Amino acid sequence: MKNVKIACIGDSLTRGYGVSERDCWVSLLNDETPHHWLNLGVNGESSGEILQRLQRSVSACQPQRAILLCGVNDFIFSINDEKTALSHIKQMTRLLSDHQISAFVGIPPQVIPSMARKAWVEGTDYDKVNQRILSYKDLLTEYCEKQGLPVLDFFALFSSHLKRESPEDLYTDGLHPTALGHRLICEMIKERLLPLL
């Protein structure tokens, strides 16, 4: 299918916090594919806030597909636990389905505690955040398998590259990807998602 409109829905990982707009994975996909990728990422939002935003605007941009990537802010700011974040993803995928929009679910990458503690909120237990992301990954994977929803496992992607690249190569601040990190996300989406369009 040509010229598909894909809504990329999420938080700062989608918005491209910490890199130039041209280096964000959504911009890269717009430059390198024939499709129209909408950047609907908002810095700092939790999964609940993203759900509310989606409920208000799902029909406005009229995409045929959507990528959902969120949840880490829930754990960083202790807003929601993993099961609540999952329930928000479930509601989002059902809402999209009701509007005949096919969903792809992204699993967020882990954080780098040593970097995040230097750059971000004091008092946040980033090791615990990683434990929650890992638990959330398992819940998301199980749900998507049962529902037949395609998964984009950015957690596994970054874990693999951290075996041969330094954290500073992949993260600007322990939470957000560098330009290289965005390039890796872009390439995974091109490999896994484009054949399904």
N, C-alpha and C. Protein backbone atom coordinates (compact mmCIF):
# COMPACT_ATOMS: atom_id res chain seq x y z
N MET A 1 0.86 -1.20 0.00
CA MET A 1 0.00 0.00 0.00
C MET A 1 0.89 1.24 0.00
N LYS A 2 0.57 2.21 -0.83
CA LYS A 2 1.38 3.42 -0.92
C LYS A 2 0.72 4.58 -0.20
N ASN A 3 1.58 5.50 0.26
CA ASN A 3 1.13 6.74 0.87
C ASN A 3 0.15 6.52 2.02
N VAL A 4 0.53 5.63 2.92
CA VAL A 4 -0.27 5.39 4.12
C VAL A 4 0.03 6.48 5.14
N LYS A 5 -1.00 6.91 5.86
CA LYS A 5 -0.82 7.89 6.93
C LYS A 5 -0.73 7.14 8.26
N ILE A 6 0.39 7.33 8.96
CA ILE A 6 0.63 6.63 10.22
C ILE A 6 0.79 7.66 11.33
N ALA A 7 -0.04 7.57 12.36
CA ALA A 7 0.06 8.44 13.52
C ALA A 7 1.02 7.83 14.52
N CYS A 8 2.04 8.57 14.92
CA CYS A 8 3.02 8.11 15.90
C CYS A 8 2.67 8.79 17.23
N ILE A 9 2.09 8.02 18.13
CA ILE A 9 1.44 8.55 19.33
C ILE A 9 2.28 8.19 20.55
N GLY A 10 2.67 9.19 21.33
CA GLY A 10 3.47 8.88 22.50
C GLY A 10 3.93 10.10 23.26
N ASP A 11 5.08 9.95 23.91
CA ASP A 11 5.63 11.01 24.76
C ASP A 11 6.91 11.56 24.14
N SER A 12 7.90 11.87 24.97
CA SER A 12 9.13 12.48 24.45
C SER A 12 9.96 11.53 23.60
N LEU A 13 9.79 10.22 23.79
CA LEU A 13 10.50 9.27 22.94
C LEU A 13 10.04 9.37 21.49
N THR A 14 8.80 9.80 21.31
CA THR A 14 8.26 10.01 19.96
C THR A 14 8.51 11.44 19.49
N ARG A 15 8.34 12.39 20.40
CA ARG A 15 8.53 13.80 20.04
C ARG A 15 9.95 14.06 19.56
N GLY A 16 10.92 13.36 20.15
CA GLY A 16 12.32 13.56 19.77
C GLY A 16 13.08 14.47 20.70
N TYR A 17 12.69 14.46 21.98
CA TYR A 17 13.37 15.31 22.97
C TYR A 17 14.87 15.02 22.97
N GLY A 18 15.66 16.08 22.92
CA GLY A 18 17.11 15.94 23.04
C GLY A 18 17.87 15.85 21.74
N VAL A 19 17.14 15.73 20.62
CA VAL A 19 17.80 15.73 19.31
C VAL A 19 17.10 16.74 18.40
N SER A 20 17.74 17.08 17.31
CA SER A 20 17.11 17.99 16.36
C SER A 20 15.92 17.31 15.71
N GLU A 21 15.00 18.10 15.23
CA GLU A 21 13.80 17.53 14.61
C GLU A 21 14.14 16.61 13.45
N ARG A 22 15.15 16.97 12.68
CA ARG A 22 15.49 16.14 11.51
C ARG A 22 16.05 14.79 11.91
N ASP A 23 16.57 14.66 13.15
CA ASP A 23 17.15 13.39 13.61
C ASP A 23 16.13 12.50 14.33
N CYS A 24 14.94 13.01 14.59
CA CYS A 24 13.90 12.21 15.25
C CYS A 24 13.45 11.08 14.33
N TRP A 25 13.15 9.92 14.91
CA TRP A 25 12.80 8.76 14.08
C TRP A 25 11.59 9.00 13.20
N VAL A 26 10.66 9.83 13.65
CA VAL A 26 9.48 10.12 12.83
C VAL A 26 9.89 10.93 11.59
N SER A 27 10.76 11.90 11.78
CA SER A 27 11.25 12.68 10.64
C SER A 27 12.05 11.82 9.68
N LEU A 28 12.86 10.93 10.21
CA LEU A 28 13.64 10.04 9.35
C LEU A 28 12.72 9.19 8.48
N LEU A 29 11.64 8.69 9.07
CA LEU A 29 10.70 7.87 8.30
C LEU A 29 10.00 8.70 7.23
N ASN A 30 9.69 9.94 7.54
CA ASN A 30 9.09 10.82 6.52
C ASN A 30 10.06 11.06 5.37
N ASP A 31 11.34 11.17 5.68
CA ASP A 31 12.35 11.44 4.65
C ASP A 31 12.65 10.21 3.79
N GLU A 32 12.51 9.03 4.38
CA GLU A 32 13.04 7.82 3.75
C GLU A 32 11.99 6.83 3.28
N THR A 33 10.73 7.14 3.45
CA THR A 33 9.66 6.24 2.98
C THR A 33 8.62 7.07 2.23
N PRO A 34 7.76 6.42 1.46
CA PRO A 34 6.74 7.17 0.73
C PRO A 34 5.52 7.52 1.57
N HIS A 35 5.54 7.14 2.84
CA HIS A 35 4.35 7.30 3.68
C HIS A 35 4.39 8.61 4.47
N HIS A 36 3.25 8.95 5.06
CA HIS A 36 3.11 10.19 5.84
C HIS A 36 3.06 9.82 7.31
N TRP A 37 4.11 10.19 8.05
CA TRP A 37 4.23 9.86 9.46
C TRP A 37 3.95 11.11 10.28
N LEU A 38 2.93 11.07 11.11
CA LEU A 38 2.53 12.21 11.94
C LEU A 38 3.16 12.08 13.32
N ASN A 39 3.89 13.10 13.75
CA ASN A 39 4.50 13.07 15.07
C ASN A 39 3.51 13.63 16.09
N LEU A 40 2.87 12.72 16.82
CA LEU A 40 1.91 13.08 17.85
C LEU A 40 2.46 12.78 19.24
N GLY A 41 3.77 12.99 19.39
CA GLY A 41 4.40 12.84 20.70
C GLY A 41 4.35 14.14 21.48
N VAL A 42 4.11 14.04 22.79
CA VAL A 42 4.09 15.21 23.67
C VAL A 42 5.01 14.92 24.86
N ASN A 43 6.00 15.77 25.06
CA ASN A 43 6.97 15.57 26.14
C ASN A 43 6.28 15.49 27.49
N GLY A 44 6.68 14.50 28.29
CA GLY A 44 6.26 14.42 29.68
C GLY A 44 4.92 13.76 29.95
N GLU A 45 4.20 13.37 28.91
CA GLU A 45 2.87 12.81 29.14
C GLU A 45 2.93 11.37 29.64
N SER A 46 1.99 11.04 30.51
CA SER A 46 1.80 9.67 30.97
C SER A 46 0.88 8.93 30.00
N SER A 47 0.78 7.63 30.20
CA SER A 47 -0.11 6.85 29.32
C SER A 47 -1.56 7.29 29.46
N GLY A 48 -1.97 7.69 30.67
CA GLY A 48 -3.34 8.17 30.86
C GLY A 48 -3.61 9.47 30.13
N GLU A 49 -2.64 10.37 30.15
CA GLU A 49 -2.79 11.64 29.43
C GLU A 49 -2.83 11.41 27.92
N ILE A 50 -2.02 10.47 27.45
CA ILE A 50 -2.02 10.16 26.03
C ILE A 50 -3.35 9.55 25.62
N LEU A 51 -3.90 8.68 26.46
CA LEU A 51 -5.22 8.10 26.19
C LEU A 51 -6.27 9.20 26.08
N GLN A 52 -6.26 10.14 27.01
CA GLN A 52 -7.24 11.24 26.98
C GLN A 52 -7.09 12.07 25.72
N ARG A 53 -5.86 12.32 25.33
CA ARG A 53 -5.61 13.10 24.11
C ARG A 53 -6.11 12.34 22.88
N LEU A 54 -5.88 11.04 22.87
CA LEU A 54 -6.31 10.22 21.75
C LEU A 54 -7.84 10.18 21.66
N GLN A 55 -8.49 10.12 22.81
CA GLN A 55 -9.95 10.10 22.82
C GLN A 55 -10.54 11.38 22.22
N ARG A 56 -9.84 12.50 22.43
CA ARG A 56 -10.32 13.78 21.91
C ARG A 56 -10.03 13.97 20.43
N SER A 57 -8.95 13.31 19.93
CA SER A 57 -8.46 13.69 18.60
C SER A 57 -8.30 12.54 17.62
N VAL A 58 -8.77 11.33 18.00
CA VAL A 58 -8.48 10.15 17.19
C VAL A 58 -8.96 10.29 15.75
N SER A 59 -10.08 10.92 15.55
CA SER A 59 -10.64 10.99 14.20
C SER A 59 -10.16 12.21 13.41
N ALA A 60 -9.48 13.15 14.10
CA ALA A 60 -9.14 14.42 13.45
C ALA A 60 -8.13 14.25 12.33
N CYS A 61 -7.08 13.44 12.56
CA CYS A 61 -6.03 13.34 11.54
C CYS A 61 -6.25 12.18 10.57
N GLN A 62 -7.20 11.32 10.87
CA GLN A 62 -7.63 10.24 9.98
C GLN A 62 -6.48 9.37 9.46
N PRO A 63 -5.68 8.80 10.36
CA PRO A 63 -4.62 7.89 9.90
C PRO A 63 -5.19 6.51 9.58
N GLN A 64 -4.45 5.73 8.82
CA GLN A 64 -4.82 4.33 8.59
C GLN A 64 -4.13 3.40 9.59
N ARG A 65 -2.99 3.84 10.13
CA ARG A 65 -2.22 3.04 11.07
C ARG A 65 -1.77 3.95 12.21
N ALA A 66 -1.37 3.32 13.33
CA ALA A 66 -0.85 4.10 14.46
C ALA A 66 0.19 3.28 15.20
N ILE A 67 1.24 3.97 15.65
CA ILE A 67 2.23 3.38 16.55
C ILE A 67 2.01 3.99 17.93
N LEU A 68 1.90 3.12 18.94
CA LEU A 68 1.76 3.57 20.33
C LEU A 68 3.07 3.30 21.06
N LEU A 69 3.62 4.32 21.68
CA LEU A 69 4.87 4.17 22.43
C LEU A 69 4.83 5.06 23.66
N CYS A 70 4.56 4.46 24.80
CA CYS A 70 4.44 5.25 26.03
C CYS A 70 4.54 4.34 27.26
N GLY A 71 4.55 4.97 28.43
CA GLY A 71 4.55 4.22 29.68
C GLY A 71 5.67 4.57 30.63
N VAL A 72 6.82 5.00 30.10
CA VAL A 72 7.98 5.22 30.98
C VAL A 72 7.72 6.36 31.97
N ASN A 73 7.04 7.41 31.53
CA ASN A 73 6.76 8.52 32.45
C ASN A 73 5.88 8.08 33.61
N ASP A 74 5.02 7.09 33.37
CA ASP A 74 4.19 6.56 34.45
C ASP A 74 5.06 6.07 35.60
N PHE A 75 6.19 5.45 35.25
CA PHE A 75 7.06 4.84 36.24
C PHE A 75 8.05 5.84 36.82
N ILE A 76 8.54 6.74 35.99
CA ILE A 76 9.48 7.76 36.48
C ILE A 76 8.83 8.64 37.53
N PHE A 77 7.59 9.05 37.26
CA PHE A 77 6.89 9.96 38.17
C PHE A 77 5.94 9.24 39.12
N SER A 78 5.99 7.90 39.13
CA SER A 78 5.15 7.08 40.01
C SER A 78 3.67 7.43 39.88
N ILE A 79 3.24 7.63 38.63
CA ILE A 79 1.85 7.99 38.36
C ILE A 79 0.98 6.73 38.31
N ASN A 80 1.46 5.71 37.61
CA ASN A 80 0.72 4.47 37.43
C ASN A 80 1.66 3.29 37.57
N ASP A 81 1.09 2.13 37.91
CA ASP A 81 1.88 0.90 37.87
C ASP A 81 1.77 0.28 36.48
N GLU A 82 2.43 -0.86 36.30
CA GLU A 82 2.49 -1.49 34.99
C GLU A 82 1.11 -1.93 34.49
N LYS A 83 0.29 -2.46 35.39
CA LYS A 83 -1.02 -2.95 34.98
C LYS A 83 -1.93 -1.80 34.55
N THR A 84 -1.80 -0.66 35.22
CA THR A 84 -2.60 0.50 34.82
C THR A 84 -2.14 1.04 33.47
N ALA A 85 -0.82 1.10 33.27
CA ALA A 85 -0.31 1.54 31.97
C ALA A 85 -0.79 0.59 30.87
N LEU A 86 -0.76 -0.70 31.15
CA LEU A 86 -1.26 -1.68 30.18
C LEU A 86 -2.74 -1.45 29.88
N SER A 87 -3.52 -1.15 30.90
CA SER A 87 -4.96 -0.93 30.68
C SER A 87 -5.19 0.27 29.77
N HIS A 88 -4.32 1.28 29.87
CA HIS A 88 -4.43 2.43 28.98
C HIS A 88 -4.09 2.04 27.54
N ILE A 89 -3.07 1.21 27.37
CA ILE A 89 -2.74 0.71 26.03
C ILE A 89 -3.91 -0.09 25.46
N LYS A 90 -4.52 -0.92 26.28
CA LYS A 90 -5.68 -1.70 25.82
C LYS A 90 -6.79 -0.79 25.34
N GLN A 91 -7.08 0.26 26.11
CA GLN A 91 -8.13 1.20 25.71
C GLN A 91 -7.76 1.92 24.42
N MET A 92 -6.49 2.27 24.27
CA MET A 92 -6.05 2.94 23.04
C MET A 92 -6.21 2.04 21.83
N THR A 93 -5.79 0.77 21.95
CA THR A 93 -5.89 -0.13 20.80
C THR A 93 -7.35 -0.38 20.43
N ARG A 94 -8.22 -0.48 21.43
CA ARG A 94 -9.66 -0.67 21.14
C ARG A 94 -10.25 0.57 20.48
N LEU A 95 -9.86 1.74 20.97
CA LEU A 95 -10.34 2.98 20.38
C LEU A 95 -9.90 3.10 18.93
N LEU A 96 -8.65 2.78 18.67
CA LEU A 96 -8.15 2.83 17.30
C LEU A 96 -8.89 1.82 16.42
N SER A 97 -9.11 0.63 16.94
CA SER A 97 -9.83 -0.40 16.18
C SER A 97 -11.24 0.05 15.85
N ASP A 98 -11.89 0.72 16.79
CA ASP A 98 -13.25 1.23 16.55
C ASP A 98 -13.28 2.23 15.40
N HIS A 99 -12.15 2.87 15.16
CA HIS A 99 -12.04 3.84 14.05
C HIS A 99 -11.33 3.25 12.84
N GLN A 100 -11.26 1.91 12.81
CA GLN A 100 -10.62 1.18 11.68
C GLN A 100 -9.16 1.60 11.47
N ILE A 101 -8.46 1.83 12.57
CA ILE A 101 -7.04 2.17 12.54
C ILE A 101 -6.26 1.02 13.15
N SER A 102 -5.35 0.46 12.38
CA SER A 102 -4.54 -0.66 12.87
C SER A 102 -3.42 -0.15 13.77
N ALA A 103 -3.25 -0.81 14.92
CA ALA A 103 -2.26 -0.37 15.90
C ALA A 103 -1.02 -1.24 15.89
N PHE A 104 0.13 -0.59 16.08
CA PHE A 104 1.41 -1.25 16.33
C PHE A 104 1.87 -0.77 17.70
N VAL A 105 2.27 -1.69 18.55
CA VAL A 105 2.61 -1.32 19.93
C VAL A 105 4.11 -1.37 20.13
N GLY A 106 4.66 -0.23 20.57
CA GLY A 106 6.08 -0.14 20.85
C GLY A 106 6.37 -0.43 22.32
N ILE A 107 7.42 -1.19 22.56
CA ILE A 107 7.90 -1.44 23.92
C ILE A 107 9.08 -0.51 24.16
N PRO A 108 8.96 0.40 25.13
CA PRO A 108 10.02 1.40 25.32
C PRO A 108 11.34 0.78 25.79
N PRO A 109 12.45 1.40 25.41
CA PRO A 109 13.75 0.91 25.88
C PRO A 109 13.95 1.19 27.36
N GLN A 110 14.88 0.47 27.95
CA GLN A 110 15.25 0.70 29.34
C GLN A 110 15.91 2.05 29.49
N VAL A 111 16.03 2.50 30.74
CA VAL A 111 16.76 3.73 31.05
C VAL A 111 18.15 3.34 31.54
N ILE A 112 19.05 4.32 31.55
CA ILE A 112 20.41 4.13 32.07
C ILE A 112 20.50 4.89 33.40
N PRO A 113 20.37 4.18 34.53
CA PRO A 113 20.27 4.87 35.83
C PRO A 113 21.41 5.84 36.12
N SER A 114 22.65 5.44 35.83
CA SER A 114 23.79 6.31 36.16
C SER A 114 23.73 7.64 35.43
N MET A 115 23.27 7.61 34.17
CA MET A 115 23.14 8.85 33.40
C MET A 115 21.92 9.65 33.84
N ALA A 116 20.81 8.95 34.07
CA ALA A 116 19.55 9.64 34.42
C ALA A 116 19.66 10.35 35.76
N ARG A 117 20.38 9.74 36.71
CA ARG A 117 20.50 10.36 38.03
C ARG A 117 21.25 11.69 37.95
N LYS A 118 22.18 11.79 37.01
CA LYS A 118 22.94 13.04 36.85
C LYS A 118 22.12 14.12 36.14
N ALA A 119 21.25 13.70 35.24
CA ALA A 119 20.57 14.66 34.37
C ALA A 119 19.16 15.02 34.82
N TRP A 120 18.53 14.16 35.65
CA TRP A 120 17.11 14.33 35.91
C TRP A 120 16.76 14.38 37.39
N VAL A 121 15.54 13.99 37.69
CA VAL A 121 14.95 14.22 39.01
C VAL A 121 15.71 13.48 40.11
N GLU A 122 16.13 14.21 41.12
CA GLU A 122 16.75 13.57 42.27
C GLU A 122 15.68 12.80 43.04
N GLY A 123 16.09 11.66 43.56
CA GLY A 123 15.15 10.88 44.36
C GLY A 123 14.41 9.81 43.59
N THR A 124 14.45 9.87 42.25
CA THR A 124 13.82 8.82 41.45
C THR A 124 14.71 7.59 41.45
N ASP A 125 14.12 6.44 41.73
CA ASP A 125 14.85 5.17 41.72
C ASP A 125 14.80 4.60 40.31
N TYR A 126 15.83 4.91 39.53
CA TYR A 126 15.82 4.50 38.12
C TYR A 126 16.04 3.00 37.94
N ASP A 127 16.64 2.36 38.94
CA ASP A 127 16.73 0.90 38.87
C ASP A 127 15.34 0.29 38.99
N LYS A 128 14.52 0.85 39.85
CA LYS A 128 13.13 0.39 39.99
C LYS A 128 12.35 0.71 38.72
N VAL A 129 12.62 1.86 38.11
CA VAL A 129 11.98 2.21 36.84
C VAL A 129 12.27 1.12 35.80
N ASN A 130 13.51 0.67 35.74
CA ASN A 130 13.86 -0.39 34.79
C ASN A 130 13.14 -1.69 35.10
N GLN A 131 13.00 -2.01 36.38
CA GLN A 131 12.26 -3.21 36.75
C GLN A 131 10.81 -3.12 36.27
N ARG A 132 10.24 -1.93 36.40
CA ARG A 132 8.86 -1.74 35.96
C ARG A 132 8.74 -1.79 34.43
N ILE A 133 9.71 -1.21 33.75
CA ILE A 133 9.70 -1.29 32.28
C ILE A 133 9.77 -2.74 31.83
N LEU A 134 10.60 -3.54 32.48
CA LEU A 134 10.73 -4.95 32.12
C LEU A 134 9.43 -5.71 32.38
N SER A 135 8.80 -5.43 33.51
CA SER A 135 7.50 -6.05 33.80
C SER A 135 6.44 -5.61 32.79
N TYR A 136 6.46 -4.33 32.46
CA TYR A 136 5.53 -3.76 31.47
C TYR A 136 5.75 -4.41 30.10
N LYS A 137 7.01 -4.64 29.75
CA LYS A 137 7.34 -5.32 28.50
C LYS A 137 6.68 -6.69 28.44
N ASP A 138 6.77 -7.43 29.52
CA ASP A 138 6.16 -8.77 29.55
C ASP A 138 4.64 -8.69 29.41
N LEU A 139 4.02 -7.74 30.10
CA LEU A 139 2.57 -7.58 30.00
C LEU A 139 2.15 -7.16 28.60
N LEU A 140 2.87 -6.22 28.02
CA LEU A 140 2.55 -5.77 26.66
C LEU A 140 2.70 -6.90 25.66
N THR A 141 3.78 -7.65 25.79
CA THR A 141 4.04 -8.75 24.86
C THR A 141 2.93 -9.79 24.92
N GLU A 142 2.53 -10.14 26.14
CA GLU A 142 1.46 -11.13 26.31
C GLU A 142 0.14 -10.63 25.72
N TYR A 143 -0.20 -9.38 26.00
CA TYR A 143 -1.44 -8.81 25.48
C TYR A 143 -1.43 -8.77 23.96
N CYS A 144 -0.33 -8.31 23.37
CA CYS A 144 -0.26 -8.18 21.92
C CYS A 144 -0.30 -9.54 21.23
N GLU A 145 0.33 -10.53 21.84
CA GLU A 145 0.27 -11.89 21.28
C GLU A 145 -1.16 -12.40 21.25
N LYS A 146 -1.89 -12.17 22.33
CA LYS A 146 -3.28 -12.64 22.41
C LYS A 146 -4.18 -11.90 21.41
N GLN A 147 -3.88 -10.63 21.18
CA GLN A 147 -4.71 -9.80 20.31
C GLN A 147 -4.24 -9.81 18.86
N GLY A 148 -3.10 -10.42 18.61
CA GLY A 148 -2.55 -10.43 17.25
C GLY A 148 -2.05 -9.07 16.81
N LEU A 149 -1.56 -8.28 17.76
CA LEU A 149 -1.06 -6.94 17.45
C LEU A 149 0.46 -6.98 17.23
N PRO A 150 0.95 -6.38 16.18
CA PRO A 150 2.40 -6.34 15.96
C PRO A 150 3.11 -5.54 17.04
N VAL A 151 4.26 -6.04 17.46
CA VAL A 151 5.05 -5.41 18.52
C VAL A 151 6.37 -4.89 17.94
N LEU A 152 6.75 -3.71 18.37
CA LEU A 152 8.06 -3.13 18.05
C LEU A 152 8.85 -3.10 19.35
N ASP A 153 9.75 -4.06 19.54
CA ASP A 153 10.43 -4.24 20.82
C ASP A 153 11.72 -3.40 20.85
N PHE A 154 11.56 -2.14 21.22
CA PHE A 154 12.71 -1.25 21.31
C PHE A 154 13.56 -1.56 22.54
N PHE A 155 12.97 -2.21 23.53
CA PHE A 155 13.73 -2.65 24.70
C PHE A 155 14.80 -3.65 24.26
N ALA A 156 14.38 -4.65 23.50
CA ALA A 156 15.33 -5.66 23.02
C ALA A 156 16.35 -5.03 22.06
N LEU A 157 15.90 -4.09 21.24
CA LEU A 157 16.78 -3.43 20.29
C LEU A 157 17.93 -2.71 21.00
N PHE A 158 17.58 -1.91 22.02
CA PHE A 158 18.62 -1.16 22.73
C PHE A 158 19.48 -2.08 23.58
N SER A 159 18.86 -3.12 24.17
CA SER A 159 19.64 -4.09 24.95
C SER A 159 20.72 -4.73 24.09
N SER A 160 20.36 -5.07 22.87
CA SER A 160 21.31 -5.69 21.95
C SER A 160 22.46 -4.74 21.62
N HIS A 161 22.14 -3.49 21.34
CA HIS A 161 23.19 -2.55 20.96
C HIS A 161 24.04 -2.11 22.15
N LEU A 162 23.48 -2.17 23.36
CA LEU A 162 24.27 -1.82 24.54
C LEU A 162 25.37 -2.84 24.82
N LYS A 163 25.30 -3.99 24.18
CA LYS A 163 26.35 -4.99 24.34
C LYS A 163 27.62 -4.61 23.57
N ARG A 164 27.45 -3.72 22.57
CA ARG A 164 28.61 -3.35 21.77
C ARG A 164 28.80 -1.84 21.63
N GLU A 165 27.86 -1.06 22.14
CA GLU A 165 28.00 0.39 22.11
C GLU A 165 27.85 0.93 23.53
N SER A 166 28.45 2.06 23.79
CA SER A 166 28.36 2.65 25.13
C SER A 166 26.99 3.30 25.31
N PRO A 167 26.53 3.43 26.55
CA PRO A 167 25.26 4.12 26.79
C PRO A 167 25.24 5.53 26.22
N GLU A 168 26.41 6.20 26.26
CA GLU A 168 26.48 7.57 25.74
C GLU A 168 26.28 7.63 24.23
N ASP A 169 26.53 6.53 23.55
CA ASP A 169 26.27 6.49 22.11
C ASP A 169 24.77 6.44 21.79
N LEU A 170 24.01 5.88 22.73
CA LEU A 170 22.59 5.61 22.47
C LEU A 170 21.64 6.54 23.22
N TYR A 171 22.10 7.17 24.31
CA TYR A 171 21.24 8.02 25.14
C TYR A 171 21.89 9.38 25.35
N THR A 172 21.06 10.42 25.29
CA THR A 172 21.55 11.77 25.57
C THR A 172 21.67 12.02 27.07
N ASP A 173 20.78 11.40 27.85
CA ASP A 173 20.66 11.73 29.27
C ASP A 173 20.23 10.53 30.12
N GLY A 174 20.32 9.34 29.58
CA GLY A 174 19.89 8.15 30.29
C GLY A 174 18.45 7.77 30.05
N LEU A 175 17.68 8.70 29.48
CA LEU A 175 16.26 8.44 29.20
C LEU A 175 15.93 8.53 27.72
N HIS A 176 16.54 9.48 27.03
CA HIS A 176 16.16 9.80 25.66
C HIS A 176 17.25 9.39 24.66
N PRO A 177 16.83 8.86 23.52
CA PRO A 177 17.81 8.40 22.53
C PRO A 177 18.60 9.54 21.89
N THR A 178 19.83 9.23 21.55
CA THR A 178 20.65 10.11 20.71
C THR A 178 20.17 10.00 19.26
N ALA A 179 20.83 10.72 18.38
CA ALA A 179 20.51 10.59 16.95
C ALA A 179 20.72 9.15 16.49
N LEU A 180 21.76 8.49 17.01
CA LEU A 180 21.97 7.08 16.66
C LEU A 180 20.82 6.22 17.17
N GLY A 181 20.37 6.49 18.40
CA GLY A 181 19.23 5.75 18.93
C GLY A 181 17.99 5.92 18.08
N HIS A 182 17.74 7.13 17.62
CA HIS A 182 16.59 7.38 16.74
C HIS A 182 16.76 6.66 15.41
N ARG A 183 17.98 6.62 14.91
CA ARG A 183 18.25 5.89 13.66
C ARG A 183 17.93 4.41 13.84
N LEU A 184 18.29 3.83 14.99
CA LEU A 184 18.00 2.42 15.25
C LEU A 184 16.49 2.17 15.30
N ILE A 185 15.76 3.07 15.95
CA ILE A 185 14.30 2.95 16.01
C ILE A 185 13.71 3.00 14.60
N CYS A 186 14.18 3.97 13.82
CA CYS A 186 13.71 4.11 12.44
C CYS A 186 13.94 2.83 11.65
N GLU A 187 15.13 2.28 11.75
CA GLU A 187 15.46 1.08 10.97
C GLU A 187 14.62 -0.12 11.40
N MET A 188 14.35 -0.25 12.70
CA MET A 188 13.49 -1.36 13.14
C MET A 188 12.09 -1.20 12.59
N ILE A 189 11.56 0.02 12.59
CA ILE A 189 10.21 0.24 12.06
C ILE A 189 10.18 -0.05 10.57
N LYS A 190 11.20 0.38 9.86
CA LYS A 190 11.25 0.09 8.42
C LYS A 190 11.28 -1.42 8.16
N GLU A 191 12.03 -2.14 8.98
CA GLU A 191 12.17 -3.58 8.78
C GLU A 191 10.89 -4.33 9.16
N ARG A 192 10.30 -3.95 10.30
CA ARG A 192 9.19 -4.73 10.85
C ARG A 192 7.82 -4.26 10.41
N LEU A 193 7.66 -2.96 10.23
CA LEU A 193 6.34 -2.40 9.98
C LEU A 193 6.04 -2.21 8.50
N LEU A 194 7.02 -1.72 7.75
CA LEU A 194 6.75 -1.42 6.33
C LEU A 194 6.18 -2.60 5.57
N PRO A 195 6.67 -3.84 5.78
CA PRO A 195 6.07 -4.97 5.03
C PRO A 195 4.61 -5.21 5.36
N LEU A 196 4.15 -4.69 6.51
CA LEU A 196 2.77 -4.91 6.93
C LEU A 196 1.83 -3.82 6.43
N LEU A 197 2.38 -2.79 5.82
CA LEU A 197 1.53 -1.71 5.31
C LEU A 197 0.93 -2.08 3.96
